[in-house]
Structure formats: structure tokens, C-alpha cells
Amino acid sequence: MKADIAERARECTDLVLQTLVALLSDETGSVALGAARELLDRGYGKAAQPLTGAEGGPVNVTLLHLVAAREVSAQLAALLGQEREQAPPLIEGTSDGVLDLTSPALE
């Protein structure tokens, strides 16, 4: 079904492109801008959106992200009724049992 929809949409490509080109001269600036953006995105691909951290620095994966990913994975496995082949690795905290979620887990 999904492939049928995609195929039918592709059959309209020429008409869609003609419509977008016609909208470039629309008096409403937002309509013309939207048409121009769509044409450029289709022709050249969307512009890359770089990810940056604090003050433009790199983004660090924190332990919190890893804990969340582990939890989501466990919930999905449970919903799908799948048994894990092996237990996920343990995440250990400090000697007082508190996790430091502010420092990067991977560098």
C-alpha cells in the first residue's frame, strides 16, 4: 500500500513542479517563498543543520541519554514480547550511589 502511494505521488511530479514554479510569481510573499524553498529542497536537498553544544562547541552524549536509550530499548522489547539475548551493561554511579549526569559519558 505504501509503495502504491509513493508510486502514484511520483506520477504527479511534473504537475507538482509546474505548480511550484507558477507559485513563485504569486503576489503573496509567503506563498512564493514556500514554493521557492520546496523547489530548492527538491533540487539540492535540505541544508545541513549542524548540532552545537554550549557556546557553539560540540555536542556531548551524556549519561542521561544512554540511560534513556536503555530504558526505551527495554520498553520496546517488552512491547514486542522479545527476550533480551543478554542483559544490557550496568551503569554504575559514584561511591555514594549518585550518578553524575552532567559530565559526558563518551569523549
N, C-alpha and C. Protein backbone atom coordinates (compact mmCIF):
# COMPACT_ATOMS: atom_id res chain seq x y z
N MET A 1 0.84 -1.20 0.00
CA MET A 1 0.00 0.00 0.00
C MET A 1 0.87 1.25 0.00
N LYS A 2 1.89 1.29 0.88
CA LYS A 2 2.75 2.46 0.96
C LYS A 2 3.49 2.68 -0.36
N ALA A 3 3.94 1.59 -0.98
CA ALA A 3 4.65 1.70 -2.25
C ALA A 3 3.71 2.23 -3.33
N ASP A 4 2.43 1.83 -3.28
CA ASP A 4 1.45 2.31 -4.26
C ASP A 4 1.27 3.82 -4.14
N ILE A 5 1.20 4.32 -2.91
CA ILE A 5 1.02 5.76 -2.69
C ILE A 5 2.24 6.51 -3.20
N ALA A 6 3.42 6.01 -2.89
CA ALA A 6 4.65 6.67 -3.34
C ALA A 6 4.72 6.68 -4.87
N GLU A 7 4.35 5.57 -5.49
CA GLU A 7 4.37 5.49 -6.94
C GLU A 7 3.38 6.47 -7.57
N ARG A 8 2.18 6.55 -6.99
CA ARG A 8 1.17 7.47 -7.51
C ARG A 8 1.62 8.92 -7.33
N ALA A 9 2.27 9.22 -6.21
CA ALA A 9 2.75 10.58 -5.98
C ALA A 9 3.83 10.93 -7.00
N ARG A 10 4.71 9.98 -7.30
CA ARG A 10 5.78 10.24 -8.28
C ARG A 10 5.23 10.49 -9.68
N GLU A 11 4.09 9.89 -9.97
CA GLU A 11 3.47 10.10 -11.28
C GLU A 11 3.03 11.56 -11.46
N CYS A 12 2.85 12.28 -10.37
CA CYS A 12 2.40 13.68 -10.41
C CYS A 12 3.56 14.67 -10.35
N THR A 13 4.79 14.19 -10.42
CA THR A 13 5.95 15.05 -10.24
C THR A 13 5.96 16.23 -11.19
N ASP A 14 5.72 16.01 -12.46
CA ASP A 14 5.76 17.11 -13.42
C ASP A 14 4.72 18.18 -13.10
N LEU A 15 3.50 17.75 -12.79
CA LEU A 15 2.44 18.70 -12.45
C LEU A 15 2.79 19.48 -11.18
N VAL A 16 3.32 18.78 -10.19
CA VAL A 16 3.69 19.44 -8.93
C VAL A 16 4.78 20.47 -9.18
N LEU A 17 5.79 20.12 -9.95
CA LEU A 17 6.86 21.07 -10.24
C LEU A 17 6.34 22.28 -11.01
N GLN A 18 5.44 22.06 -11.97
CA GLN A 18 4.85 23.17 -12.71
C GLN A 18 4.06 24.08 -11.77
N THR A 19 3.35 23.48 -10.83
CA THR A 19 2.57 24.26 -9.87
C THR A 19 3.48 25.09 -8.98
N LEU A 20 4.57 24.49 -8.51
CA LEU A 20 5.52 25.22 -7.66
C LEU A 20 6.15 26.38 -8.43
N VAL A 21 6.52 26.14 -9.68
CA VAL A 21 7.11 27.22 -10.48
C VAL A 21 6.11 28.34 -10.68
N ALA A 22 4.84 28.01 -10.91
CA ALA A 22 3.81 29.03 -11.08
C ALA A 22 3.63 29.82 -9.78
N LEU A 23 3.75 29.16 -8.64
CA LEU A 23 3.58 29.84 -7.35
C LEU A 23 4.72 30.79 -7.04
N LEU A 24 5.84 30.66 -7.73
CA LEU A 24 6.98 31.57 -7.50
C LEU A 24 6.59 33.02 -7.78
N SER A 25 5.66 33.23 -8.68
CA SER A 25 5.26 34.60 -9.02
C SER A 25 3.99 35.04 -8.29
N ASP A 26 3.56 34.28 -7.30
CA ASP A 26 2.38 34.64 -6.53
C ASP A 26 2.64 35.95 -5.78
N GLU A 27 1.61 36.78 -5.69
CA GLU A 27 1.74 38.08 -5.03
C GLU A 27 1.95 37.95 -3.53
N THR A 28 1.51 36.85 -2.96
CA THR A 28 1.70 36.63 -1.54
C THR A 28 3.13 36.14 -1.32
N GLY A 29 3.89 36.93 -0.61
CA GLY A 29 5.30 36.60 -0.42
C GLY A 29 5.52 35.26 0.24
N SER A 30 4.67 34.91 1.20
CA SER A 30 4.86 33.64 1.90
C SER A 30 4.61 32.45 0.97
N VAL A 31 3.70 32.59 0.03
CA VAL A 31 3.43 31.52 -0.93
C VAL A 31 4.63 31.35 -1.86
N ALA A 32 5.14 32.46 -2.38
CA ALA A 32 6.29 32.41 -3.28
C ALA A 32 7.52 31.86 -2.55
N LEU A 33 7.72 32.29 -1.31
CA LEU A 33 8.85 31.80 -0.52
C LEU A 33 8.74 30.31 -0.28
N GLY A 34 7.55 29.84 0.07
CA GLY A 34 7.35 28.41 0.30
C GLY A 34 7.62 27.59 -0.96
N ALA A 35 7.16 28.11 -2.11
CA ALA A 35 7.39 27.41 -3.38
C ALA A 35 8.88 27.37 -3.70
N ALA A 36 9.56 28.50 -3.49
CA ALA A 36 11.00 28.55 -3.76
C ALA A 36 11.75 27.58 -2.86
N ARG A 37 11.39 27.54 -1.60
CA ARG A 37 12.05 26.63 -0.65
C ARG A 37 11.84 25.18 -1.07
N GLU A 38 10.62 24.83 -1.44
CA GLU A 38 10.34 23.46 -1.86
C GLU A 38 11.13 23.09 -3.10
N LEU A 39 11.20 23.99 -4.07
CA LEU A 39 11.96 23.70 -5.29
C LEU A 39 13.45 23.51 -5.00
N LEU A 40 14.01 24.38 -4.17
CA LEU A 40 15.42 24.25 -3.83
C LEU A 40 15.68 22.97 -3.03
N ASP A 41 14.79 22.66 -2.09
CA ASP A 41 14.96 21.44 -1.29
C ASP A 41 14.90 20.20 -2.18
N ARG A 42 14.02 20.21 -3.15
CA ARG A 42 13.90 19.06 -4.05
C ARG A 42 15.09 18.98 -5.00
N GLY A 43 15.58 20.12 -5.43
CA GLY A 43 16.67 20.13 -6.40
C GLY A 43 18.04 19.89 -5.79
N TYR A 44 18.26 20.42 -4.59
CA TYR A 44 19.59 20.36 -3.99
C TYR A 44 19.62 19.65 -2.65
N GLY A 45 18.47 19.29 -2.10
CA GLY A 45 18.42 18.67 -0.78
C GLY A 45 18.36 19.76 0.28
N LYS A 46 17.88 19.38 1.44
CA LYS A 46 17.78 20.35 2.53
C LYS A 46 19.17 20.69 3.05
N ALA A 47 19.31 21.91 3.50
CA ALA A 47 20.58 22.35 4.05
C ALA A 47 20.88 21.57 5.33
N ALA A 48 22.16 21.24 5.52
CA ALA A 48 22.57 20.53 6.73
C ALA A 48 22.34 21.41 7.95
N GLN A 49 21.88 20.81 9.03
CA GLN A 49 21.65 21.52 10.27
C GLN A 49 22.66 21.02 11.30
N PRO A 50 23.77 21.73 11.47
CA PRO A 50 24.77 21.26 12.41
C PRO A 50 24.27 21.36 13.85
N LEU A 51 24.69 20.42 14.66
CA LEU A 51 24.34 20.43 16.08
C LEU A 51 25.51 21.02 16.85
N THR A 52 25.21 21.95 17.72
CA THR A 52 26.26 22.53 18.55
C THR A 52 25.82 22.54 20.00
N GLY A 53 26.79 22.45 20.87
CA GLY A 53 26.51 22.48 22.29
C GLY A 53 26.63 23.90 22.83
N ALA A 54 26.93 23.99 24.10
CA ALA A 54 27.07 25.29 24.76
C ALA A 54 28.13 26.14 24.07
N GLU A 55 27.81 27.38 23.83
CA GLU A 55 28.73 28.36 23.24
C GLU A 55 29.30 27.90 21.90
N GLY A 56 28.50 27.15 21.14
CA GLY A 56 28.92 26.74 19.81
C GLY A 56 29.86 25.55 19.78
N GLY A 57 30.14 24.96 20.93
CA GLY A 57 31.03 23.81 20.99
C GLY A 57 30.34 22.53 20.54
N PRO A 58 31.07 21.41 20.58
CA PRO A 58 30.48 20.15 20.14
C PRO A 58 29.43 19.65 21.13
N VAL A 59 28.54 18.81 20.63
CA VAL A 59 27.51 18.22 21.46
C VAL A 59 28.08 16.95 22.08
N ASN A 60 27.94 16.80 23.38
CA ASN A 60 28.41 15.61 24.07
C ASN A 60 27.24 14.71 24.43
N VAL A 61 27.42 13.42 24.26
CA VAL A 61 26.41 12.46 24.70
C VAL A 61 26.60 12.28 26.19
N THR A 62 25.57 12.55 26.94
CA THR A 62 25.69 12.43 28.39
C THR A 62 25.14 11.09 28.84
N LEU A 63 25.45 10.75 30.05
CA LEU A 63 24.98 9.50 30.63
C LEU A 63 23.45 9.46 30.62
N LEU A 64 22.81 10.59 30.80
CA LEU A 64 21.35 10.64 30.79
C LEU A 64 20.79 10.11 29.48
N HIS A 65 21.42 10.46 28.37
CA HIS A 65 20.97 9.98 27.07
C HIS A 65 21.11 8.46 26.99
N LEU A 66 22.19 7.94 27.52
CA LEU A 66 22.41 6.50 27.48
C LEU A 66 21.41 5.76 28.36
N VAL A 67 21.10 6.33 29.51
CA VAL A 67 20.11 5.72 30.40
C VAL A 67 18.74 5.73 29.72
N ALA A 68 18.39 6.83 29.10
CA ALA A 68 17.10 6.94 28.42
C ALA A 68 17.02 5.94 27.26
N ALA A 69 18.09 5.80 26.51
CA ALA A 69 18.10 4.86 25.38
C ALA A 69 17.94 3.43 25.88
N ARG A 70 18.58 3.11 26.97
CA ARG A 70 18.47 1.77 27.55
C ARG A 70 17.03 1.50 28.00
N GLU A 71 16.40 2.47 28.61
CA GLU A 71 15.02 2.32 29.09
C GLU A 71 14.06 2.15 27.93
N VAL A 72 14.22 2.96 26.90
CA VAL A 72 13.35 2.86 25.72
C VAL A 72 13.53 1.50 25.06
N SER A 73 14.76 1.04 24.96
CA SER A 73 15.03 -0.26 24.37
C SER A 73 14.34 -1.37 25.14
N ALA A 74 14.40 -1.31 26.47
CA ALA A 74 13.75 -2.32 27.30
C ALA A 74 12.24 -2.29 27.12
N GLN A 75 11.66 -1.10 27.05
CA GLN A 75 10.21 -0.97 26.88
C GLN A 75 9.77 -1.51 25.52
N LEU A 76 10.54 -1.20 24.47
CA LEU A 76 10.20 -1.71 23.14
C LEU A 76 10.29 -3.23 23.10
N ALA A 77 11.33 -3.78 23.70
CA ALA A 77 11.47 -5.23 23.73
C ALA A 77 10.30 -5.87 24.46
N ALA A 78 9.86 -5.25 25.56
CA ALA A 78 8.72 -5.77 26.31
C ALA A 78 7.44 -5.70 25.48
N LEU A 79 7.24 -4.59 24.77
CA LEU A 79 6.04 -4.44 23.94
C LEU A 79 6.01 -5.47 22.81
N LEU A 80 7.17 -5.77 22.28
CA LEU A 80 7.27 -6.72 21.18
C LEU A 80 7.32 -8.16 21.68
N GLY A 81 7.37 -8.33 23.00
CA GLY A 81 7.41 -9.66 23.58
C GLY A 81 8.72 -10.38 23.33
N GLN A 82 9.77 -9.63 23.18
CA GLN A 82 11.07 -10.22 22.89
C GLN A 82 11.90 -10.35 24.15
N GLU A 83 12.59 -11.44 24.23
CA GLU A 83 13.54 -11.65 25.33
C GLU A 83 14.87 -11.07 24.89
N ARG A 84 15.57 -10.47 25.81
CA ARG A 84 16.91 -9.97 25.50
C ARG A 84 17.88 -11.15 25.51
N GLU A 85 18.79 -11.16 24.52
CA GLU A 85 19.78 -12.22 24.48
C GLU A 85 20.76 -12.08 25.63
N GLN A 86 21.08 -10.88 25.99
CA GLN A 86 21.95 -10.64 27.12
C GLN A 86 21.51 -9.36 27.80
N ALA A 87 21.81 -9.27 29.05
CA ALA A 87 21.42 -8.08 29.81
C ALA A 87 22.24 -6.89 29.36
N PRO A 88 21.63 -5.69 29.36
CA PRO A 88 22.39 -4.50 28.99
C PRO A 88 23.45 -4.23 30.06
N PRO A 89 24.50 -3.52 29.68
CA PRO A 89 25.54 -3.24 30.67
C PRO A 89 25.00 -2.37 31.80
N LEU A 90 25.53 -2.60 32.98
CA LEU A 90 25.13 -1.81 34.14
C LEU A 90 25.77 -0.44 34.09
N ILE A 91 25.05 0.53 34.57
CA ILE A 91 25.59 1.88 34.67
C ILE A 91 25.80 2.15 36.15
N GLU A 92 27.03 2.31 36.51
CA GLU A 92 27.36 2.47 37.92
C GLU A 92 27.55 3.94 38.27
N GLY A 93 27.19 4.27 39.50
CA GLY A 93 27.34 5.64 39.99
C GLY A 93 28.60 5.79 40.82
N THR A 94 28.65 6.83 41.57
CA THR A 94 29.79 7.07 42.44
C THR A 94 29.64 6.23 43.71
N SER A 95 30.60 6.34 44.60
CA SER A 95 30.56 5.54 45.83
C SER A 95 29.34 5.85 46.68
N ASP A 96 28.78 7.05 46.53
CA ASP A 96 27.58 7.39 47.31
C ASP A 96 26.29 7.01 46.57
N GLY A 97 26.44 6.35 45.41
CA GLY A 97 25.28 5.88 44.67
C GLY A 97 24.63 6.92 43.79
N VAL A 98 25.24 8.08 43.64
CA VAL A 98 24.66 9.16 42.84
C VAL A 98 25.34 9.17 41.48
N LEU A 99 24.52 9.23 40.42
CA LEU A 99 25.06 9.33 39.08
C LEU A 99 25.36 10.77 38.74
N ASP A 100 26.50 11.01 38.12
CA ASP A 100 26.84 12.36 37.64
C ASP A 100 26.34 12.48 36.22
N LEU A 101 25.20 13.14 36.04
CA LEU A 101 24.60 13.26 34.72
C LEU A 101 25.03 14.52 33.99
N THR A 102 25.99 15.23 34.53
CA THR A 102 26.41 16.48 33.89
C THR A 102 27.66 16.29 33.05
N SER A 103 28.44 15.27 33.29
CA SER A 103 29.68 15.09 32.51
C SER A 103 29.42 14.16 31.33
N PRO A 104 30.17 14.34 30.25
CA PRO A 104 29.99 13.48 29.08
C PRO A 104 30.30 12.03 29.41
N ALA A 105 29.49 11.11 28.87
CA ALA A 105 29.75 9.70 29.09
C ALA A 105 30.76 9.18 28.08
N LEU A 106 30.76 9.78 26.90
CA LEU A 106 31.69 9.37 25.85
C LEU A 106 32.46 10.57 25.38
N GLU A 107 33.72 10.40 25.18
CA GLU A 107 34.52 11.52 24.66
C GLU A 107 35.32 11.09 23.47
